[in-house]
Amino acid sequence: QQVIDAENTSQRTRVALIVGATGGIGYATCKLLAGKGFHIGIHYHINEAKATLLQSELLSSKVKSTVCKADITNAEEVDQMFAHVEGKLGNIEVIVNCSIIPIPVVSLSNTSWSCVEDHINISVKGMFNLFSEAIPRMTKSQYGRIIAISTQAIEMSPPKGWIGYITAKTALSGLCKAMASEIASFGITVNMVS
């Protein structure tokens, strides 16, 4: 909330891309930022109907929005998503990554590497692809805010059966810390929220 409250203090309207906008956190984030005057890029991967419904709900906020489909584990689709949002709304200055896949509760003896890899791909590879598109743009403008959704479970003894999810979110934490250190001098911040 504090990160968001400080964002739109300029006279112009900023553009926020909400990745995973059709999930509960993403949906609420879109509404919160639209209420604060941000134009909103609404990303979805599968649920187009919910993304379109969300866009219709944002009409009352009197901000612009656009809906875009992308698999964030695919770098080419992420590139196309950025181009689409920028073409419709302008430069993306805020990114909130709320992407997640279902979290099956699976014991270690029944966990396959592919299950772990699925979580790593969406959390880490997906975030890396977002960084790869966002950072050159934000470096050029000397401004950017990137927020990734994490979980408090990585800071404590996690629930049993969440091996893939916890592994991926822990790796995501490392990626975000490393990126924050690399790009802070360019006026870009990276935060994780849980």
C-alpha atoms as a PDB file:
ATOM      1  CA  GLN A   1       0.000   0.000   0.000  1.00  0.00           C
ATOM      2  CA  GLN A   2       2.784   2.471   0.867  1.00  0.00           C
ATOM      3  CA  VAL A   3       4.564   1.720  -2.406  1.00  0.00           C
ATOM      4  CA  ILE A   4       1.351   2.333  -4.343  1.00  0.00           C
ATOM      5  CA  ASP A   5       0.324   5.466  -2.421  1.00  0.00           C
ATOM      6  CA  ALA A   6       3.558   7.209  -3.351  1.00  0.00           C
ATOM      7  CA  GLU A   7       3.312   6.433  -7.046  1.00  0.00           C
ATOM      8  CA  ASN A   8       0.846   8.743  -8.727  1.00  0.00           C
ATOM      9  CA  THR A   9       1.798  12.093  -7.270  1.00  0.00           C
ATOM     10  CA  SER A  10       2.742  13.614 -10.641  1.00  0.00           C
ATOM     11  CA  GLN A  11       0.309  15.703 -12.673  1.00  0.00           C
ATOM     12  CA  ARG A  12       0.140  13.114 -15.442  1.00  0.00           C
ATOM     13  CA  THR A  13      -1.498   9.720 -15.332  1.00  0.00           C
ATOM     14  CA  ARG A  14       0.885   6.792 -14.911  1.00  0.00           C
ATOM     15  CA  VAL A  15       0.476   3.382 -16.547  1.00  0.00           C
ATOM     16  CA  ALA A  16       0.464   0.174 -14.508  1.00  0.00           C
ATOM     17  CA  LEU A  17       0.640  -3.334 -15.935  1.00  0.00           C
ATOM     18  CA  ILE A  18      -0.976  -5.910 -13.666  1.00  0.00           C
ATOM     19  CA  VAL A  19       0.270  -9.374 -14.550  1.00  0.00           C
ATOM     20  CA  GLY A  20      -2.126 -12.101 -13.463  1.00  0.00           C
ATOM     21  CA  ALA A  21      -4.972  -9.602 -13.224  1.00  0.00           C
ATOM     22  CA  THR A  22      -7.727 -12.204 -13.231  1.00  0.00           C
ATOM     23  CA  GLY A  23      -6.677 -13.759  -9.916  1.00  0.00           C
ATOM     24  CA  GLY A  24      -7.980 -12.419  -6.625  1.00  0.00           C
ATOM     25  CA  ILE A  25      -4.952 -10.270  -5.770  1.00  0.00           C
ATOM     26  CA  GLY A  26      -4.517  -9.070  -9.339  1.00  0.00           C
ATOM     27  CA  TYR A  27      -8.196  -8.151  -9.653  1.00  0.00           C
ATOM     28  CA  ALA A  28      -8.114  -6.140  -6.430  1.00  0.00           C
ATOM     29  CA  THR A  29      -4.839  -4.459  -7.444  1.00  0.00           C
ATOM     30  CA  CYS A  30      -6.332  -3.303 -10.746  1.00  0.00           C
ATOM     31  CA  LYS A  31      -9.284  -1.742  -8.960  1.00  0.00           C
ATOM     32  CA  LEU A  32      -7.072  -0.109  -6.324  1.00  0.00           C
ATOM     33  CA  LEU A  33      -4.715   1.463  -8.853  1.00  0.00           C
ATOM     34  CA  ALA A  34      -7.530   2.543 -11.172  1.00  0.00           C
ATOM     35  CA  GLY A  35      -9.109   4.256  -8.174  1.00  0.00           C
ATOM     36  CA  LYS A  36      -5.851   6.145  -7.709  1.00  0.00           C
ATOM     37  CA  GLY A  37      -5.889   7.316 -11.321  1.00  0.00           C
ATOM     38  CA  PHE A  38      -3.581   4.842 -13.047  1.00  0.00           C
ATOM     39  CA  HIS A  39      -4.256   3.618 -16.561  1.00  0.00           C
ATOM     40  CA  ILE A  40      -4.312  -0.179 -16.341  1.00  0.00           C
ATOM     41  CA  GLY A  41      -2.886  -2.949 -18.507  1.00  0.00           C
ATOM     42  CA  ILE A  42      -4.935  -6.047 -17.642  1.00  0.00           C
ATOM     43  CA  HIS A  43      -2.949  -9.214 -18.301  1.00  0.00           C
ATOM     44  CA  TYR A  44      -4.452 -12.684 -18.441  1.00  0.00           C
ATOM     45  CA  HIS A  45      -3.207 -16.050 -19.614  1.00  0.00           C
ATOM     46  CA  ILE A  46      -6.371 -18.177 -19.749  1.00  0.00           C
ATOM     47  CA  ASN A  47      -9.413 -16.347 -18.344  1.00  0.00           C
ATOM     48  CA  GLU A  48     -10.312 -13.830 -21.054  1.00  0.00           C
ATOM     49  CA  ALA A  49     -13.911 -13.522 -19.827  1.00  0.00           C
ATOM     50  CA  LYS A  50     -12.812 -12.374 -16.372  1.00  0.00           C
ATOM     51  CA  ALA A  51     -10.280  -9.945 -17.847  1.00  0.00           C
ATOM     52  CA  THR A  52     -12.983  -8.425 -20.050  1.00  0.00           C
ATOM     53  CA  LEU A  53     -15.361  -8.198 -17.080  1.00  0.00           C
ATOM     54  CA  LEU A  54     -12.676  -6.430 -15.067  1.00  0.00           C
ATOM     55  CA  GLN A  55     -12.120  -3.944 -17.875  1.00  0.00           C
ATOM     56  CA  SER A  56     -15.847  -3.148 -17.936  1.00  0.00           C
ATOM     57  CA  GLU A  57     -15.793  -2.602 -14.172  1.00  0.00           C
ATOM     58  CA  LEU A  58     -12.938  -0.103 -14.518  1.00  0.00           C
ATOM     59  CA  LEU A  59     -14.967   2.125 -16.853  1.00  0.00           C
ATOM     60  CA  SER A  60     -16.458   3.939 -13.873  1.00  0.00           C
ATOM     61  CA  SER A  61     -12.949   4.903 -12.711  1.00  0.00           C
ATOM     62  CA  LYS A  62     -12.539   7.159 -15.766  1.00  0.00           C
ATOM     63  CA  VAL A  63      -9.124   5.740 -16.588  1.00  0.00           C
ATOM     64  CA  LYS A  64      -8.013   3.917 -19.711  1.00  0.00           C
ATOM     65  CA  SER A  65      -7.428   0.180 -19.718  1.00  0.00           C
ATOM     66  CA  THR A  66      -6.504  -2.520 -22.164  1.00  0.00           C
ATOM     67  CA  VAL A  67      -6.665  -6.317 -21.999  1.00  0.00           C
ATOM     68  CA  CYS A  68      -3.758  -8.464 -23.162  1.00  0.00           C
ATOM     69  CA  LYS A  69      -3.111 -12.209 -23.262  1.00  0.00           C
ATOM     70  CA  ALA A  70       0.381 -13.627 -22.711  1.00  0.00           C
ATOM     71  CA  ASP A  71       2.203 -16.628 -21.372  1.00  0.00           C
ATOM     72  CA  ILE A  72       4.857 -14.865 -19.286  1.00  0.00           C
ATOM     73  CA  THR A  73       7.174 -17.879 -19.506  1.00  0.00           C
ATOM     74  CA  ASN A  74       7.439 -17.110 -23.235  1.00  0.00           C
ATOM     75  CA  ALA A  75       9.752 -14.132 -23.857  1.00  0.00           C
ATOM     76  CA  GLU A  76       8.232 -13.362 -27.261  1.00  0.00           C
ATOM     77  CA  GLU A  77       4.721 -13.153 -25.816  1.00  0.00           C
ATOM     78  CA  VAL A  78       5.959 -10.863 -23.027  1.00  0.00           C
ATOM     79  CA  ASP A  79       7.529  -8.595 -25.656  1.00  0.00           C
ATOM     80  CA  GLN A  80       4.216  -8.500 -27.530  1.00  0.00           C
ATOM     81  CA  MET A  81       2.332  -7.736 -24.305  1.00  0.00           C
ATOM     82  CA  PHE A  82       4.544  -4.742 -23.542  1.00  0.00           C
ATOM     83  CA  ALA A  83       4.179  -3.454 -27.096  1.00  0.00           C
ATOM     84  CA  HIS A  84       0.385  -3.822 -26.915  1.00  0.00           C
ATOM     85  CA  VAL A  85       0.026  -2.002 -23.573  1.00  0.00           C
ATOM     86  CA  GLU A  86       2.410   0.783 -24.583  1.00  0.00           C
ATOM     87  CA  GLY A  87       0.612   1.221 -27.885  1.00  0.00           C
ATOM     88  CA  LYS A  88      -2.741   1.604 -26.133  1.00  0.00           C
ATOM     89  CA  LEU A  89      -1.801   3.433 -22.910  1.00  0.00           C
ATOM     90  CA  GLY A  90       1.763   4.789 -23.064  1.00  0.00           C
ATOM     91  CA  ASN A  91       4.971   3.901 -21.227  1.00  0.00           C
ATOM     92  CA  ILE A  92       4.615   1.268 -18.517  1.00  0.00           C
ATOM     93  CA  GLU A  93       6.043   2.657 -15.282  1.00  0.00           C
ATOM     94  CA  VAL A  94       4.556   0.289 -12.705  1.00  0.00           C
ATOM     95  CA  ILE A  95       4.417  -3.510 -12.919  1.00  0.00           C
ATOM     96  CA  VAL A  96       2.702  -5.697 -10.352  1.00  0.00           C
ATOM     97  CA  ASN A  97       3.247  -9.415 -10.951  1.00  0.00           C
ATOM     98  CA  CYS A  98       0.471 -11.452  -9.337  1.00  0.00           C
ATOM     99  CA  SER A  99       0.885 -14.545 -11.522  1.00  0.00           C
ATOM    100  CA  ILE A 100       0.435 -17.931  -9.911  1.00  0.00           C
ATOM    101  CA  ILE A 101      -0.522 -21.445 -10.889  1.00  0.00           C
ATOM    102  CA  PRO A 102      -2.591 -23.847  -8.771  1.00  0.00           C
ATOM    103  CA  ILE A 103      -0.745 -25.130  -5.704  1.00  0.00           C
ATOM    104  CA  PRO A 104      -1.322 -28.867  -5.336  1.00  0.00           C
ATOM    105  CA  VAL A 105      -0.577 -30.318  -1.917  1.00  0.00           C
ATOM    106  CA  VAL A 106       1.821 -33.134  -2.781  1.00  0.00           C
ATOM    107  CA  SER A 107       4.158 -35.029  -0.467  1.00  0.00           C
ATOM    108  CA  LEU A 108       7.867 -35.193  -1.261  1.00  0.00           C
ATOM    109  CA  SER A 109       7.599 -38.871  -2.228  1.00  0.00           C
ATOM    110  CA  ASN A 110       4.963 -37.968  -4.821  1.00  0.00           C
ATOM    111  CA  THR A 111       6.541 -34.749  -6.077  1.00  0.00           C
ATOM    112  CA  SER A 112       8.064 -34.833  -9.552  1.00  0.00           C
ATOM    113  CA  TRP A 113      10.646 -32.372 -10.813  1.00  0.00           C
ATOM    114  CA  SER A 114       8.174 -31.255 -13.477  1.00  0.00           C
ATOM    115  CA  CYS A 115       5.827 -30.042 -10.718  1.00  0.00           C
ATOM    116  CA  VAL A 116       8.644 -28.017  -9.141  1.00  0.00           C
ATOM    117  CA  GLU A 117       9.699 -26.740 -12.553  1.00  0.00           C
ATOM    118  CA  ASP A 118       6.165 -25.542 -13.350  1.00  0.00           C
ATOM    119  CA  HIS A 119       6.288 -23.260 -10.307  1.00  0.00           C
ATOM    120  CA  ILE A 120       9.830 -22.095 -11.066  1.00  0.00           C
ATOM    121  CA  ASN A 121       8.846 -21.274 -14.635  1.00  0.00           C
ATOM    122  CA  ILE A 122       5.888 -19.081 -13.669  1.00  0.00           C
ATOM    123  CA  SER A 123       7.526 -17.406 -10.661  1.00  0.00           C
ATOM    124  CA  VAL A 124      11.165 -17.074 -11.698  1.00  0.00           C
ATOM    125  CA  LYS A 125      11.343 -17.394 -15.482  1.00  0.00           C
ATOM    126  CA  GLY A 126       8.171 -15.328 -15.836  1.00  0.00           C
ATOM    127  CA  MET A 127       9.566 -12.597 -13.586  1.00  0.00           C
ATOM    128  CA  PHE A 128      12.890 -12.678 -15.431  1.00  0.00           C
ATOM    129  CA  ASN A 129      11.064 -12.146 -18.732  1.00  0.00           C
ATOM    130  CA  LEU A 130       9.177  -9.199 -17.246  1.00  0.00           C
ATOM    131  CA  PHE A 131      12.436  -7.694 -15.973  1.00  0.00           C
ATOM    132  CA  SER A 132      14.032  -8.178 -19.389  1.00  0.00           C
ATOM    133  CA  GLU A 133      11.348  -6.071 -21.067  1.00  0.00           C
ATOM    134  CA  ALA A 134      10.805  -3.538 -18.293  1.00  0.00           C
ATOM    135  CA  ILE A 135      14.315  -2.604 -17.230  1.00  0.00           C
ATOM    136  CA  PRO A 136      15.610  -1.177 -20.555  1.00  0.00           C
ATOM    137  CA  ARG A 137      12.488   0.972 -20.804  1.00  0.00           C
ATOM    138  CA  MET A 138      12.566   2.099 -17.168  1.00  0.00           C
ATOM    139  CA  THR A 139      16.313   2.750 -17.283  1.00  0.00           C
ATOM    140  CA  LYS A 140      15.777   5.069 -20.232  1.00  0.00           C
ATOM    141  CA  SER A 141      13.114   7.057 -18.363  1.00  0.00           C
ATOM    142  CA  GLN A 142      15.002   6.832 -15.031  1.00  0.00           C
ATOM    143  CA  TYR A 143      11.853   5.703 -13.265  1.00  0.00           C
ATOM    144  CA  GLY A 144      10.052   2.460 -12.534  1.00  0.00           C
ATOM    145  CA  ARG A 145       8.290   0.470  -9.842  1.00  0.00           C
ATOM    146  CA  ILE A 146       8.236  -3.327 -10.009  1.00  0.00           C
ATOM    147  CA  ILE A 147       6.325  -5.353  -7.430  1.00  0.00           C
ATOM    148  CA  ALA A 148       6.161  -9.136  -7.151  1.00  0.00           C
ATOM    149  CA  ILE A 149       3.699 -11.005  -4.984  1.00  0.00           C
ATOM    150  CA  SER A 150       5.346 -13.442  -2.606  1.00  0.00           C
ATOM    151  CA  THR A 151       4.208 -15.426   0.428  1.00  0.00           C
ATOM    152  CA  GLN A 152       4.951 -15.222   4.129  1.00  0.00           C
ATOM    153  CA  ALA A 153       5.420 -18.990   4.016  1.00  0.00           C
ATOM    154  CA  ILE A 154       9.012 -18.553   2.794  1.00  0.00           C
ATOM    155  CA  GLU A 155       9.867 -16.719   6.014  1.00  0.00           C
ATOM    156  CA  MET A 156       8.627 -19.451   8.329  1.00  0.00           C
ATOM    157  CA  SER A 157       8.115 -23.198   8.445  1.00  0.00           C
ATOM    158  CA  PRO A 158       5.978 -23.723   5.332  1.00  0.00           C
ATOM    159  CA  PRO A 159       2.955 -25.979   5.031  1.00  0.00           C
ATOM    160  CA  LYS A 160       3.718 -29.550   4.067  1.00  0.00           C
ATOM    161  CA  GLY A 161       3.194 -30.474   0.452  1.00  0.00           C
ATOM    162  CA  TRP A 162       4.093 -27.086  -1.045  1.00  0.00           C
ATOM    163  CA  ILE A 163       7.574 -28.041  -2.245  1.00  0.00           C
ATOM    164  CA  GLY A 164       7.310 -26.597  -5.758  1.00  0.00           C
ATOM    165  CA  TYR A 165       5.600 -23.387  -4.674  1.00  0.00           C
ATOM    166  CA  ILE A 166       7.953 -22.656  -1.755  1.00  0.00           C
ATOM    167  CA  THR A 167      11.045 -23.443  -3.822  1.00  0.00           C
ATOM    168  CA  ALA A 168       9.924 -21.086  -6.585  1.00  0.00           C
ATOM    169  CA  LYS A 169       8.926 -18.227  -4.281  1.00  0.00           C
ATOM    170  CA  THR A 170      12.254 -18.499  -2.429  1.00  0.00           C
ATOM    171  CA  ALA A 171      14.099 -18.290  -5.754  1.00  0.00           C
ATOM    172  CA  LEU A 172      11.900 -15.346  -6.773  1.00  0.00           C
ATOM    173  CA  SER A 173      12.957 -13.539  -3.586  1.00  0.00           C
ATOM    174  CA  GLY A 174      16.612 -13.980  -4.553  1.00  0.00           C
ATOM    175  CA  LEU A 175      15.984 -12.767  -8.099  1.00  0.00           C
ATOM    176  CA  CYS A 176      14.141  -9.652  -6.912  1.00  0.00           C
ATOM    177  CA  LYS A 177      16.833  -8.785  -4.349  1.00  0.00           C
ATOM    178  CA  ALA A 178      19.551  -9.145  -6.968  1.00  0.00           C
ATOM    179  CA  MET A 179      17.635  -7.040  -9.495  1.00  0.00           C
ATOM    180  CA  ALA A 180      16.868  -4.352  -6.906  1.00  0.00           C
ATOM    181  CA  SER A 181      20.568  -3.993  -6.206  1.00  0.00           C
ATOM    182  CA  GLU A 182      21.441  -3.859  -9.909  1.00  0.00           C
ATOM    183  CA  ILE A 183      18.962  -1.149 -10.948  1.00  0.00           C
ATOM    184  CA  ALA A 184      18.430   1.062  -7.890  1.00  0.00           C
ATOM    185  CA  SER A 185      20.755   3.755  -9.278  1.00  0.00           C
ATOM    186  CA  PHE A 186      18.409   4.220 -12.254  1.00  0.00           C
ATOM    187  CA  GLY A 187      15.453   5.294 -10.134  1.00  0.00           C
ATOM    188  CA  ILE A 188      13.836   1.848 -10.346  1.00  0.00           C
ATOM    189  CA  THR A 189      12.674  -0.013  -7.269  1.00  0.00           C
ATOM    190  CA  VAL A 190      11.863  -3.705  -6.912  1.00  0.00           C
ATOM    191  CA  ASN A 191       9.726  -4.878  -3.992  1.00  0.00           C
ATOM    192  CA  MET A 192       8.115  -8.101  -2.895  1.00  0.00           C
ATOM    193  CA  VAL A 193       4.793  -8.047  -1.076  1.00  0.00           C
ATOM    194  CA  SER A 194       3.254 -10.940   0.808  1.00  0.00           C
END
